[in-house]
Amino acid sequence: MMEEEKVEYYNLINKFLAGEISGNEMILLKSWLESDPENLRIFNVENEIWQETGVHTKLEHFKADSAWTSISSRLGLGKGKS
């Protein structure tokens, strides 16, 4: 596997773990996982690291859409004030 492909699949794994994977990306990831037992091993290692480090909870603080909604709500933006 070329280095670029490796990076792409690691990105898909991370998107999956963060709950940000699209339907098409999920199909790609599933196909990759089923194509070789080594790929499943890689996924399991990444999942363990993800769970042990708490990366998933840290990412909750960096969700731009929900942060903007919260901030704009507190500032009263977008309420059509005159």
N, C-alpha and C. Protein backbone atom coordinates (compact mmCIF):
# COMPACT_ATOMS: atom_id res chain seq x y z
N MET A 1 0.85 -1.19 0.00
CA MET A 1 0.00 0.00 0.00
C MET A 1 0.89 1.24 0.00
N MET A 2 0.55 2.20 -0.85
CA MET A 2 1.32 3.44 -0.92
C MET A 2 1.04 4.29 0.30
N GLU A 3 1.98 5.17 0.61
CA GLU A 3 1.87 6.01 1.80
C GLU A 3 0.61 6.88 1.77
N GLU A 4 0.26 7.41 0.61
CA GLU A 4 -0.94 8.24 0.50
C GLU A 4 -2.19 7.45 0.84
N GLU A 5 -2.26 6.19 0.40
CA GLU A 5 -3.41 5.35 0.72
C GLU A 5 -3.49 5.09 2.21
N LYS A 6 -2.33 4.85 2.82
CA LYS A 6 -2.29 4.63 4.27
C LYS A 6 -2.88 5.81 5.01
N VAL A 7 -2.44 7.00 4.63
CA VAL A 7 -2.92 8.22 5.29
C VAL A 7 -4.42 8.35 5.10
N GLU A 8 -4.91 8.05 3.90
CA GLU A 8 -6.35 8.15 3.63
C GLU A 8 -7.14 7.21 4.54
N TYR A 9 -6.66 5.98 4.72
CA TYR A 9 -7.39 5.04 5.56
C TYR A 9 -7.28 5.40 7.04
N TYR A 10 -6.15 5.93 7.47
CA TYR A 10 -6.05 6.40 8.85
C TYR A 10 -7.01 7.56 9.08
N ASN A 11 -7.16 8.43 8.08
CA ASN A 11 -8.12 9.53 8.19
C ASN A 11 -9.55 9.00 8.29
N LEU A 12 -9.86 7.97 7.51
CA LEU A 12 -11.20 7.38 7.58
C LEU A 12 -11.44 6.76 8.96
N ILE A 13 -10.43 6.10 9.49
CA ILE A 13 -10.56 5.51 10.83
C ILE A 13 -10.85 6.61 11.85
N ASN A 14 -10.10 7.69 11.77
CA ASN A 14 -10.30 8.79 12.72
C ASN A 14 -11.66 9.44 12.56
N LYS A 15 -12.12 9.60 11.32
CA LYS A 15 -13.47 10.15 11.11
C LYS A 15 -14.52 9.21 11.69
N PHE A 16 -14.33 7.91 11.51
CA PHE A 16 -15.27 6.93 12.06
C PHE A 16 -15.32 7.05 13.58
N LEU A 17 -14.16 7.07 14.20
CA LEU A 17 -14.09 7.12 15.66
C LEU A 17 -14.67 8.43 16.21
N ALA A 18 -14.55 9.51 15.44
CA ALA A 18 -15.08 10.81 15.86
C ALA A 18 -16.56 10.95 15.54
N GLY A 19 -17.12 9.97 14.81
CA GLY A 19 -18.53 10.05 14.44
C GLY A 19 -18.79 11.04 13.32
N GLU A 20 -17.78 11.29 12.49
CA GLU A 20 -17.90 12.27 11.43
C GLU A 20 -17.75 11.66 10.04
N ILE A 21 -17.89 10.36 9.93
CA ILE A 21 -17.69 9.68 8.65
C ILE A 21 -18.98 9.72 7.82
N SER A 22 -18.82 9.94 6.52
CA SER A 22 -19.99 9.96 5.63
C SER A 22 -20.34 8.53 5.21
N GLY A 23 -21.48 8.38 4.58
CA GLY A 23 -21.90 7.07 4.11
C GLY A 23 -20.93 6.47 3.10
N ASN A 24 -20.49 7.28 2.14
CA ASN A 24 -19.53 6.79 1.15
C ASN A 24 -18.19 6.43 1.78
N GLU A 25 -17.75 7.24 2.74
CA GLU A 25 -16.50 6.94 3.43
C GLU A 25 -16.62 5.65 4.23
N MET A 26 -17.80 5.42 4.81
CA MET A 26 -18.03 4.20 5.58
C MET A 26 -17.90 2.96 4.69
N ILE A 27 -18.43 3.07 3.48
CA ILE A 27 -18.33 1.95 2.53
C ILE A 27 -16.86 1.68 2.20
N LEU A 28 -16.08 2.73 1.97
CA LEU A 28 -14.65 2.58 1.69
C LEU A 28 -13.93 1.93 2.86
N LEU A 29 -14.22 2.40 4.07
CA LEU A 29 -13.56 1.86 5.26
C LEU A 29 -13.93 0.39 5.46
N LYS A 30 -15.19 0.07 5.33
CA LYS A 30 -15.64 -1.31 5.51
C LYS A 30 -14.97 -2.24 4.49
N SER A 31 -14.90 -1.80 3.26
CA SER A 31 -14.26 -2.59 2.21
C SER A 31 -12.79 -2.82 2.53
N TRP A 32 -12.12 -1.78 2.99
CA TRP A 32 -10.71 -1.88 3.36
C TRP A 32 -10.51 -2.84 4.53
N LEU A 33 -11.38 -2.74 5.53
CA LEU A 33 -11.28 -3.63 6.70
C LEU A 33 -11.47 -5.10 6.32
N GLU A 34 -12.38 -5.34 5.38
CA GLU A 34 -12.68 -6.71 4.98
C GLU A 34 -11.65 -7.28 4.01
N SER A 35 -10.82 -6.43 3.42
CA SER A 35 -9.89 -6.89 2.38
C SER A 35 -8.64 -7.58 2.92
N ASP A 36 -8.31 -7.34 4.21
CA ASP A 36 -7.07 -7.90 4.75
C ASP A 36 -7.16 -7.90 6.28
N PRO A 37 -6.83 -9.03 6.91
CA PRO A 37 -6.86 -9.09 8.38
C PRO A 37 -5.92 -8.06 9.03
N GLU A 38 -4.87 -7.70 8.35
CA GLU A 38 -3.94 -6.69 8.88
C GLU A 38 -4.64 -5.34 9.01
N ASN A 39 -5.53 -5.03 8.08
CA ASN A 39 -6.27 -3.76 8.16
C ASN A 39 -7.16 -3.72 9.38
N LEU A 40 -7.79 -4.83 9.70
CA LEU A 40 -8.63 -4.90 10.90
C LEU A 40 -7.77 -4.75 12.16
N ARG A 41 -6.58 -5.33 12.14
CA ARG A 41 -5.66 -5.18 13.27
C ARG A 41 -5.29 -3.72 13.46
N ILE A 42 -4.99 -3.03 12.34
CA ILE A 42 -4.66 -1.60 12.41
C ILE A 42 -5.82 -0.81 12.99
N PHE A 43 -7.04 -1.10 12.53
CA PHE A 43 -8.22 -0.42 13.04
C PHE A 43 -8.36 -0.64 14.55
N ASN A 44 -8.19 -1.87 14.99
CA ASN A 44 -8.34 -2.18 16.41
C ASN A 44 -7.30 -1.46 17.26
N VAL A 45 -6.08 -1.37 16.77
CA VAL A 45 -5.03 -0.64 17.49
C VAL A 45 -5.39 0.83 17.59
N GLU A 46 -5.82 1.42 16.47
CA GLU A 46 -6.21 2.83 16.48
C GLU A 46 -7.39 3.08 17.42
N ASN A 47 -8.35 2.17 17.42
CA ASN A 47 -9.50 2.29 18.31
C ASN A 47 -9.07 2.24 19.77
N GLU A 48 -8.18 1.33 20.10
CA GLU A 48 -7.68 1.24 21.49
C GLU A 48 -7.00 2.54 21.90
N ILE A 49 -6.15 3.06 21.03
CA ILE A 49 -5.45 4.32 21.33
C ILE A 49 -6.47 5.43 21.52
N TRP A 50 -7.44 5.49 20.62
CA TRP A 50 -8.49 6.52 20.69
C TRP A 50 -9.21 6.46 22.03
N GLN A 51 -9.62 5.26 22.43
CA GLN A 51 -10.36 5.09 23.68
C GLN A 51 -9.49 5.40 24.89
N GLU A 52 -8.24 4.96 24.88
CA GLU A 52 -7.35 5.15 26.04
C GLU A 52 -6.93 6.60 26.23
N THR A 53 -6.79 7.33 25.14
CA THR A 53 -6.32 8.71 25.25
C THR A 53 -7.43 9.72 25.47
N GLY A 54 -8.66 9.30 25.26
CA GLY A 54 -9.77 10.22 25.44
C GLY A 54 -9.86 11.27 24.36
N VAL A 55 -9.26 11.01 23.20
CA VAL A 55 -9.30 11.97 22.10
C VAL A 55 -10.74 12.33 21.76
N HIS A 56 -11.62 11.35 21.81
CA HIS A 56 -13.01 11.60 21.44
C HIS A 56 -13.66 12.65 22.32
N THR A 57 -13.33 12.68 23.62
CA THR A 57 -13.93 13.69 24.48
C THR A 57 -13.28 15.05 24.27
N LYS A 58 -11.99 15.08 23.93
CA LYS A 58 -11.33 16.35 23.67
C LYS A 58 -11.89 17.00 22.41
N LEU A 59 -12.24 16.21 21.41
CA LEU A 59 -12.75 16.75 20.17
C LEU A 59 -14.10 17.43 20.35
N GLU A 60 -14.85 17.04 21.36
CA GLU A 60 -16.15 17.67 21.61
C GLU A 60 -16.00 19.17 21.80
N HIS A 61 -14.85 19.60 22.32
CA HIS A 61 -14.63 21.02 22.57
C HIS A 61 -14.31 21.79 21.31
N PHE A 62 -14.04 21.10 20.20
CA PHE A 62 -13.61 21.76 18.99
C PHE A 62 -14.63 21.65 17.86
N LYS A 63 -15.87 21.40 18.17
CA LYS A 63 -16.90 21.32 17.14
C LYS A 63 -17.38 22.75 16.86
N ALA A 64 -16.95 23.26 15.74
CA ALA A 64 -17.18 24.66 15.41
C ALA A 64 -18.66 25.01 15.31
N ASP A 65 -19.47 24.16 14.70
CA ASP A 65 -20.89 24.48 14.53
C ASP A 65 -21.60 24.65 15.86
N SER A 66 -21.39 23.71 16.77
CA SER A 66 -22.08 23.82 18.06
C SER A 66 -21.50 24.98 18.88
N ALA A 67 -20.21 25.24 18.74
CA ALA A 67 -19.61 26.37 19.46
C ALA A 67 -20.19 27.68 18.95
N TRP A 68 -20.31 27.82 17.62
CA TRP A 68 -20.87 29.03 17.06
C TRP A 68 -22.32 29.22 17.49
N THR A 69 -23.09 28.15 17.48
CA THR A 69 -24.49 28.23 17.89
C THR A 69 -24.59 28.73 19.32
N SER A 70 -23.76 28.18 20.18
CA SER A 70 -23.76 28.57 21.59
C SER A 70 -23.37 30.04 21.76
N ILE A 71 -22.30 30.44 21.10
CA ILE A 71 -21.81 31.81 21.23
C ILE A 71 -22.81 32.80 20.63
N SER A 72 -23.31 32.49 19.42
CA SER A 72 -24.24 33.43 18.78
C SER A 72 -25.54 33.55 19.57
N SER A 73 -25.94 32.46 20.20
CA SER A 73 -27.14 32.49 21.03
C SER A 73 -26.93 33.41 22.24
N ARG A 74 -25.79 33.28 22.88
CA ARG A 74 -25.49 34.12 24.04
C ARG A 74 -25.36 35.59 23.67
N LEU A 75 -24.89 35.85 22.44
CA LEU A 75 -24.72 37.23 22.00
C LEU A 75 -25.99 37.79 21.36
N GLY A 76 -27.00 36.95 21.17
CA GLY A 76 -28.24 37.40 20.58
C GLY A 76 -28.15 37.64 19.09
N LEU A 77 -27.21 36.98 18.42
CA LEU A 77 -27.04 37.17 16.98
C LEU A 77 -28.08 36.35 16.22
N GLY A 78 -28.51 36.85 15.08
CA GLY A 78 -29.41 36.10 14.22
C GLY A 78 -30.86 36.08 14.68
N LYS A 79 -31.22 36.98 15.60
CA LYS A 79 -32.59 36.98 16.09
C LYS A 79 -33.42 38.11 15.48
N GLY A 80 -32.86 38.76 14.47
CA GLY A 80 -33.61 39.81 13.78
C GLY A 80 -33.90 41.02 14.64
N LYS A 81 -32.98 41.41 15.51
CA LYS A 81 -33.18 42.60 16.35
C LYS A 81 -33.17 43.85 15.50
N SER A 82 -33.99 44.83 15.89
CA SER A 82 -34.00 46.09 15.16
C SER A 82 -33.49 47.21 16.00
